Amino acid sequence: MMLQTIVFAAARSRAHGPTAALWHAVELHRPAAEVDGACELTLCGALARVSPEQQWPVAAFDVCPACVPLAR
């Protein structure tokens, strides 16, 4: 039996109208170097730009409340 580790990257969404930019979680299915700065679909369904220099979970207050439980 093979054990698969799920790796999450941090991604920053853009402020959109009245909503603020938030940090989201993205499940990586390829090396982080391949998604450097690319927009990806987050766990909550938003599009956000991956920030490989940031680790998930992000130590910030502006974190997506929907991504937090999904990334556990």
PDB file of N, CA and C in Angstrom:
ATOM      1  N   MET A   1       0.840  -1.170   0.000  1.00  0.00           N
ATOM      2  CA  MET A   1       0.000   0.000   0.000  1.00  0.00           C
ATOM      3  C   MET A   1       0.891   1.241   0.000  1.00  0.00           C
ATOM      4  N   MET A   2       0.588   2.186  -0.880  1.00  0.00           N
ATOM      5  CA  MET A   2       1.374   3.400  -0.988  1.00  0.00           C
ATOM      6  C   MET A   2       0.675   4.527  -0.233  1.00  0.00           C
ATOM      7  N   LEU A   3       1.438   5.252   0.566  1.00  0.00           N
ATOM      8  CA  LEU A   3       0.903   6.374   1.326  1.00  0.00           C
ATOM      9  C   LEU A   3       1.198   7.657   0.559  1.00  0.00           C
ATOM     10  N   GLN A   4       0.171   8.436   0.273  1.00  0.00           N
ATOM     11  CA  GLN A   4       0.348   9.678  -0.474  1.00  0.00           C
ATOM     12  C   GLN A   4       0.231  10.857   0.472  1.00  0.00           C
ATOM     13  N   THR A   5       1.180  11.754   0.397  1.00  0.00           N
ATOM     14  CA  THR A   5       1.161  12.956   1.209  1.00  0.00           C
ATOM     15  C   THR A   5       0.547  14.096   0.408  1.00  0.00           C
ATOM     16  N   ILE A   6      -0.391  14.781   1.001  1.00  0.00           N
ATOM     17  CA  ILE A   6      -1.011  15.921   0.335  1.00  0.00           C
ATOM     18  C   ILE A   6      -0.241  17.170   0.735  1.00  0.00           C
ATOM     19  N   VAL A   7       0.182  17.930  -0.264  1.00  0.00           N
ATOM     20  CA  VAL A   7       0.949  19.153  -0.031  1.00  0.00           C
ATOM     21  C   VAL A   7       0.100  20.334  -0.453  1.00  0.00           C
ATOM     22  N   PHE A   8       0.044  21.332   0.408  1.00  0.00           N
ATOM     23  CA  PHE A   8      -0.710  22.545   0.117  1.00  0.00           C
ATOM     24  C   PHE A   8       0.246  23.712  -0.036  1.00  0.00           C
ATOM     25  N   ALA A   9      -0.061  24.594  -0.966  1.00  0.00           N
ATOM     26  CA  ALA A   9       0.690  25.831  -1.152  1.00  0.00           C
ATOM     27  C   ALA A   9      -0.223  26.990  -0.780  1.00  0.00           C
ATOM     28  N   ALA A  10       0.371  28.102  -0.428  1.00  0.00           N
ATOM     29  CA  ALA A  10      -0.396  29.310  -0.128  1.00  0.00           C
ATOM     30  C   ALA A  10      -0.557  30.109  -1.417  1.00  0.00           C
ATOM     31  N   ALA A  11      -1.728  30.680  -1.609  1.00  0.00           N
ATOM     32  CA  ALA A  11      -2.004  31.484  -2.795  1.00  0.00           C
ATOM     33  C   ALA A  11      -2.772  32.726  -2.382  1.00  0.00           C
ATOM     34  N   ARG A  12      -2.486  33.821  -3.041  1.00  0.00           N
ATOM     35  CA  ARG A  12      -3.111  35.100  -2.708  1.00  0.00           C
ATOM     36  C   ARG A  12      -4.116  35.467  -3.791  1.00  0.00           C
ATOM     37  N   SER A  13      -5.352  35.717  -3.375  1.00  0.00           N
ATOM     38  CA  SER A  13      -6.370  36.159  -4.322  1.00  0.00           C
ATOM     39  C   SER A  13      -6.279  37.673  -4.486  1.00  0.00           C
ATOM     40  N   ARG A  14      -6.912  38.167  -5.515  1.00  0.00           N
ATOM     41  CA  ARG A  14      -6.956  39.612  -5.728  1.00  0.00           C
ATOM     42  C   ARG A  14      -8.192  40.175  -5.050  1.00  0.00           C
ATOM     43  N   ALA A  15      -8.077  41.410  -4.605  1.00  0.00           N
ATOM     44  CA  ALA A  15      -9.249  42.095  -4.076  1.00  0.00           C
ATOM     45  C   ALA A  15     -10.232  42.259  -5.229  1.00  0.00           C
ATOM     46  N   HIS A  16     -11.490  41.966  -4.983  1.00  0.00           N
ATOM     47  CA  HIS A  16     -12.484  41.994  -6.051  1.00  0.00           C
ATOM     48  C   HIS A  16     -13.700  42.749  -5.557  1.00  0.00           C
ATOM     49  N   GLY A  17     -13.855  43.979  -6.008  1.00  0.00           N
ATOM     50  CA  GLY A  17     -14.978  44.787  -5.544  1.00  0.00           C
ATOM     51  C   GLY A  17     -14.894  45.011  -4.043  1.00  0.00           C
ATOM     52  N   PRO A  18     -15.950  44.666  -3.315  1.00  0.00           N
ATOM     53  CA  PRO A  18     -15.936  44.890  -1.866  1.00  0.00           C
ATOM     54  C   PRO A  18     -15.188  43.813  -1.075  1.00  0.00           C
ATOM     55  N   THR A  19     -14.741  42.758  -1.736  1.00  0.00           N
ATOM     56  CA  THR A  19     -14.029  41.693  -1.021  1.00  0.00           C
ATOM     57  C   THR A  19     -12.539  41.961  -0.996  1.00  0.00           C
ATOM     58  N   ALA A  20     -11.925  41.670   0.124  1.00  0.00           N
ATOM     59  CA  ALA A  20     -10.489  41.869   0.307  1.00  0.00           C
ATOM     60  C   ALA A  20      -9.713  40.700  -0.283  1.00  0.00           C
ATOM     61  N   ALA A  21      -8.444  40.948  -0.543  1.00  0.00           N
ATOM     62  CA  ALA A  21      -7.557  39.863  -0.980  1.00  0.00           C
ATOM     63  C   ALA A  21      -7.339  38.936   0.212  1.00  0.00           C
ATOM     64  N   LEU A  22      -7.387  37.627  -0.025  1.00  0.00           N
ATOM     65  CA  LEU A  22      -7.217  36.641   1.042  1.00  0.00           C
ATOM     66  C   LEU A  22      -6.151  35.631   0.669  1.00  0.00           C
ATOM     67  N   TRP A  23      -5.610  34.970   1.696  1.00  0.00           N
ATOM     68  CA  TRP A  23      -4.716  33.835   1.484  1.00  0.00           C
ATOM     69  C   TRP A  23      -5.566  32.580   1.393  1.00  0.00           C
ATOM     70  N   HIS A  24      -5.301  31.750   0.394  1.00  0.00           N
ATOM     71  CA  HIS A  24      -6.041  30.514   0.160  1.00  0.00           C
ATOM     72  C   HIS A  24      -5.076  29.336   0.140  1.00  0.00           C
ATOM     73  N   ALA A  25      -5.635  28.142   0.223  1.00  0.00           N
ATOM     74  CA  ALA A  25      -4.846  26.914   0.116  1.00  0.00           C
ATOM     75  C   ALA A  25      -5.066  26.288  -1.261  1.00  0.00           C
ATOM     76  N   VAL A  26      -3.963  25.820  -1.855  1.00  0.00           N
ATOM     77  CA  VAL A  26      -3.999  25.137  -3.143  1.00  0.00           C
ATOM     78  C   VAL A  26      -3.357  23.775  -2.951  1.00  0.00           C
ATOM     79  N   GLU A  27      -4.044  22.729  -3.382  1.00  0.00           N
ATOM     80  CA  GLU A  27      -3.472  21.384  -3.321  1.00  0.00           C
ATOM     81  C   GLU A  27      -2.549  21.202  -4.519  1.00  0.00           C
ATOM     82  N   LEU A  28      -1.284  20.878  -4.247  1.00  0.00           N
ATOM     83  CA  LEU A  28      -0.306  20.725  -5.314  1.00  0.00           C
ATOM     84  C   LEU A  28      -0.253  19.285  -5.799  1.00  0.00           C
ATOM     85  N   HIS A  29      -0.314  19.131  -7.106  1.00  0.00           N
ATOM     86  CA  HIS A  29      -0.213  17.811  -7.734  1.00  0.00           C
ATOM     87  C   HIS A  29       1.057  17.705  -8.570  1.00  0.00           C
ATOM     88  N   ARG A  30       1.893  18.735  -8.490  1.00  0.00           N
ATOM     89  CA  ARG A  30       3.172  18.768  -9.193  1.00  0.00           C
ATOM     90  C   ARG A  30       4.149  19.586  -8.361  1.00  0.00           C
ATOM     91  N   PRO A  31       5.426  19.576  -8.687  1.00  0.00           N
ATOM     92  CA  PRO A  31       6.410  20.325  -7.888  1.00  0.00           C
ATOM     93  C   PRO A  31       6.081  21.820  -7.816  1.00  0.00           C
ATOM     94  N   ALA A  32       6.349  22.421  -6.663  1.00  0.00           N
ATOM     95  CA  ALA A  32       6.042  23.841  -6.456  1.00  0.00           C
ATOM     96  C   ALA A  32       6.753  24.726  -7.472  1.00  0.00           C
ATOM     97  N   ALA A  33       7.926  24.320  -7.947  1.00  0.00           N
ATOM     98  CA  ALA A  33       8.659  25.113  -8.929  1.00  0.00           C
ATOM     99  C   ALA A  33       7.875  25.261 -10.234  1.00  0.00           C
ATOM    100  N   GLU A  34       7.015  24.318 -10.527  1.00  0.00           N
ATOM    101  CA  GLU A  34       6.224  24.370 -11.753  1.00  0.00           C
ATOM    102  C   GLU A  34       5.019  25.291 -11.651  1.00  0.00           C
ATOM    103  N   VAL A  35       4.632  25.700 -10.455  1.00  0.00           N
ATOM    104  CA  VAL A  35       3.481  26.586 -10.280  1.00  0.00           C
ATOM    105  C   VAL A  35       3.908  27.961  -9.782  1.00  0.00           C
ATOM    106  N   ASP A  36       5.163  28.278  -9.940  1.00  0.00           N
ATOM    107  CA  ASP A  36       5.726  29.547  -9.476  1.00  0.00           C
ATOM    108  C   ASP A  36       4.965  30.734 -10.067  1.00  0.00           C
ATOM    109  N   GLY A  37       4.159  31.382  -9.248  1.00  0.00           N
ATOM    110  CA  GLY A  37       3.430  32.568  -9.668  1.00  0.00           C
ATOM    111  C   GLY A  37       2.216  32.306 -10.537  1.00  0.00           C
ATOM    112  N   ALA A  38       1.867  31.053 -10.755  1.00  0.00           N
ATOM    113  CA  ALA A  38       0.723  30.732 -11.605  1.00  0.00           C
ATOM    114  C   ALA A  38      -0.579  30.844 -10.822  1.00  0.00           C
ATOM    115  N   CYS A  39      -1.666  31.135 -11.519  1.00  0.00           N
ATOM    116  CA  CYS A  39      -2.989  31.128 -10.900  1.00  0.00           C
ATOM    117  C   CYS A  39      -3.490  29.694 -10.873  1.00  0.00           C
ATOM    118  N   GLU A  40      -4.024  29.307  -9.740  1.00  0.00           N
ATOM    119  CA  GLU A  40      -4.525  27.948  -9.551  1.00  0.00           C
ATOM    120  C   GLU A  40      -5.895  28.014  -8.883  1.00  0.00           C
ATOM    121  N   LEU A  41      -6.641  26.947  -9.012  1.00  0.00           N
ATOM    122  CA  LEU A  41      -7.926  26.823  -8.342  1.00  0.00           C
ATOM    123  C   LEU A  41      -7.673  26.435  -6.887  1.00  0.00           C
ATOM    124  N   THR A  42      -8.213  27.188  -5.958  1.00  0.00           N
ATOM    125  CA  THR A  42      -7.991  26.938  -4.538  1.00  0.00           C
ATOM    126  C   THR A  42      -8.977  25.901  -4.013  1.00  0.00           C
ATOM    127  N   LEU A  43      -8.790  25.474  -2.786  1.00  0.00           N
ATOM    128  CA  LEU A  43      -9.683  24.472  -2.189  1.00  0.00           C
ATOM    129  C   LEU A  43     -11.123  24.956  -2.112  1.00  0.00           C
ATOM    130  N   CYS A  44     -11.307  26.272  -1.933  1.00  0.00           N
ATOM    131  CA  CYS A  44     -12.668  26.805  -1.820  1.00  0.00           C
ATOM    132  C   CYS A  44     -13.278  27.152  -3.169  1.00  0.00           C
ATOM    133  N   GLY A  45     -12.495  27.026  -4.256  1.00  0.00           N
ATOM    134  CA  GLY A  45     -13.024  27.283  -5.589  1.00  0.00           C
ATOM    135  C   GLY A  45     -12.666  28.624  -6.178  1.00  0.00           C
ATOM    136  N   ALA A  46     -11.889  29.437  -5.468  1.00  0.00           N
ATOM    137  CA  ALA A  46     -11.455  30.732  -5.998  1.00  0.00           C
ATOM    138  C   ALA A  46     -10.199  30.543  -6.845  1.00  0.00           C
ATOM    139  N   LEU A  47      -9.911  31.500  -7.696  1.00  0.00           N
ATOM    140  CA  LEU A  47      -8.647  31.521  -8.418  1.00  0.00           C
ATOM    141  C   LEU A  47      -7.695  32.437  -7.672  1.00  0.00           C
ATOM    142  N   ALA A  48      -6.475  31.958  -7.448  1.00  0.00           N
ATOM    143  CA  ALA A  48      -5.495  32.744  -6.719  1.00  0.00           C
ATOM    144  C   ALA A  48      -4.098  32.433  -7.241  1.00  0.00           C
ATOM    145  N   ARG A  49      -3.199  33.398  -7.092  1.00  0.00           N
ATOM    146  CA  ARG A  49      -1.823  33.246  -7.558  1.00  0.00           C
ATOM    147  C   ARG A  49      -0.984  32.584  -6.477  1.00  0.00           C
ATOM    148  N   VAL A  50      -0.361  31.462  -6.808  1.00  0.00           N
ATOM    149  CA  VAL A  50       0.465  30.705  -5.860  1.00  0.00           C
ATOM    150  C   VAL A  50       1.709  31.512  -5.505  1.00  0.00           C
ATOM    151  N   SER A  51       2.028  31.550  -4.214  1.00  0.00           N
ATOM    152  CA  SER A  51       3.234  32.206  -3.712  1.00  0.00           C
ATOM    153  C   SER A  51       4.126  31.134  -3.098  1.00  0.00           C
ATOM    154  N   PRO A  52       5.059  30.576  -3.880  1.00  0.00           N
ATOM    155  CA  PRO A  52       5.884  29.475  -3.373  1.00  0.00           C
ATOM    156  C   PRO A  52       6.727  29.840  -2.154  1.00  0.00           C
ATOM    157  N   GLU A  53       6.982  31.124  -1.949  1.00  0.00           N
ATOM    158  CA  GLU A  53       7.765  31.534  -0.784  1.00  0.00           C
ATOM    159  C   GLU A  53       6.946  31.507   0.505  1.00  0.00           C
ATOM    160  N   GLN A  54       5.631  31.371   0.401  1.00  0.00           N
ATOM    161  CA  GLN A  54       4.756  31.298   1.571  1.00  0.00           C
ATOM    162  C   GLN A  54       4.384  29.848   1.849  1.00  0.00           C
ATOM    163  N   GLN A  55       4.376  29.482   3.108  1.00  0.00           N
ATOM    164  CA  GLN A  55       3.980  28.133   3.530  1.00  0.00           C
ATOM    165  C   GLN A  55       2.516  28.149   3.963  1.00  0.00           C
ATOM    166  N   TRP A  56       1.831  27.062   3.694  1.00  0.00           N
ATOM    167  CA  TRP A  56       0.465  26.919   4.217  1.00  0.00           C
ATOM    168  C   TRP A  56       0.522  26.044   5.442  1.00  0.00           C
ATOM    169  N   PRO A  57      -0.089  26.406   6.539  1.00  0.00           N
ATOM    170  CA  PRO A  57      -0.972  27.545   6.734  1.00  0.00           C
ATOM    171  C   PRO A  57      -0.186  28.841   6.895  1.00  0.00           C
ATOM    172  N   VAL A  58      -0.753  29.909   6.393  1.00  0.00           N
ATOM    173  CA  VAL A  58      -0.132  31.231   6.457  1.00  0.00           C
ATOM    174  C   VAL A  58      -0.421  31.842   7.826  1.00  0.00           C
ATOM    175  N   ALA A  59       0.591  32.407   8.438  1.00  0.00           N
ATOM    176  CA  ALA A  59       0.420  33.078   9.734  1.00  0.00           C
ATOM    177  C   ALA A  59      -0.039  34.507   9.477  1.00  0.00           C
ATOM    178  N   ALA A  60      -1.315  34.661   9.161  1.00  0.00           N
ATOM    179  CA  ALA A  60      -1.880  35.974   8.860  1.00  0.00           C
ATOM    180  C   ALA A  60      -3.334  35.993   9.301  1.00  0.00           C
ATOM    181  N   PHE A  61      -3.901  37.172   9.348  1.00  0.00           N
ATOM    182  CA  PHE A  61      -5.299  37.309   9.738  1.00  0.00           C
ATOM    183  C   PHE A  61      -6.244  37.245   8.546  1.00  0.00           C
ATOM    184  N   ASP A  62      -5.725  37.509   7.347  1.00  0.00           N
ATOM    185  CA  ASP A  62      -6.568  37.553   6.162  1.00  0.00           C
ATOM    186  C   ASP A  62      -6.523  36.231   5.393  1.00  0.00           C
ATOM    187  N   VAL A  63      -6.886  35.160   6.091  1.00  0.00           N
ATOM    188  CA  VAL A  63      -6.892  33.814   5.519  1.00  0.00           C
ATOM    189  C   VAL A  63      -8.337  33.429   5.212  1.00  0.00           C
ATOM    190  N   CYS A  64      -8.531  32.777   4.085  1.00  0.00           N
ATOM    191  CA  CYS A  64      -9.864  32.349   3.668  1.00  0.00           C
ATOM    192  C   CYS A  64     -10.467  31.393   4.703  1.00  0.00           C
ATOM    193  N   PRO A  65     -11.621  31.735   5.268  1.00  0.00           N
ATOM    194  CA  PRO A  65     -12.221  30.864   6.276  1.00  0.00           C
ATOM    195  C   PRO A  65     -12.716  29.541   5.715  1.00  0.00           C
ATOM    196  N   ALA A  66     -12.964  29.450   4.417  1.00  0.00           N
ATOM    197  CA  ALA A  66     -13.412  28.193   3.818  1.00  0.00           C
ATOM    198  C   ALA A  66     -12.234  27.244   3.560  1.00  0.00           C
ATOM    199  N   CYS A  67     -11.054  27.783   3.267  1.00  0.00           N
ATOM    200  CA  CYS A  67      -9.890  26.940   2.975  1.00  0.00           C
ATOM    201  C   CYS A  67      -9.307  26.282   4.224  1.00  0.00           C
ATOM    202  N   VAL A  68      -9.416  26.937   5.359  1.00  0.00           N
ATOM    203  CA  VAL A  68      -8.809  26.424   6.590  1.00  0.00           C
ATOM    204  C   VAL A  68      -9.286  25.020   6.932  1.00  0.00           C
ATOM    205  N   PRO A  69     -10.589  24.766   7.045  1.00  0.00           N
ATOM    206  CA  PRO A  69     -11.025  23.397   7.377  1.00  0.00           C
ATOM    207  C   PRO A  69     -10.789  22.395   6.247  1.00  0.00           C
ATOM    208  N   LEU A  70     -10.792  22.859   5.003  1.00  0.00           N
ATOM    209  CA  LEU A  70     -10.593  21.956   3.871  1.00  0.00           C
ATOM    210  C   LEU A  70      -9.146  21.481   3.759  1.00  0.00           C
ATOM    211  N   ALA A  71      -8.223  22.239   4.322  1.00  0.00           N
ATOM    212  CA  ALA A  71      -6.785  21.901   4.232  1.00  0.00           C
ATOM    213  C   ALA A  71      -6.298  21.108   5.432  1.00  0.00           C
ATOM    214  N   ARG A  72      -7.191  20.563   6.213  1.00  0.00           N
ATOM    215  CA  ARG A  72      -6.772  19.768   7.383  1.00  0.00           C
ATOM    216  C   ARG A  72      -6.702  18.320   7.048  1.00  0.00           C
TER     217      ARG A  72
END
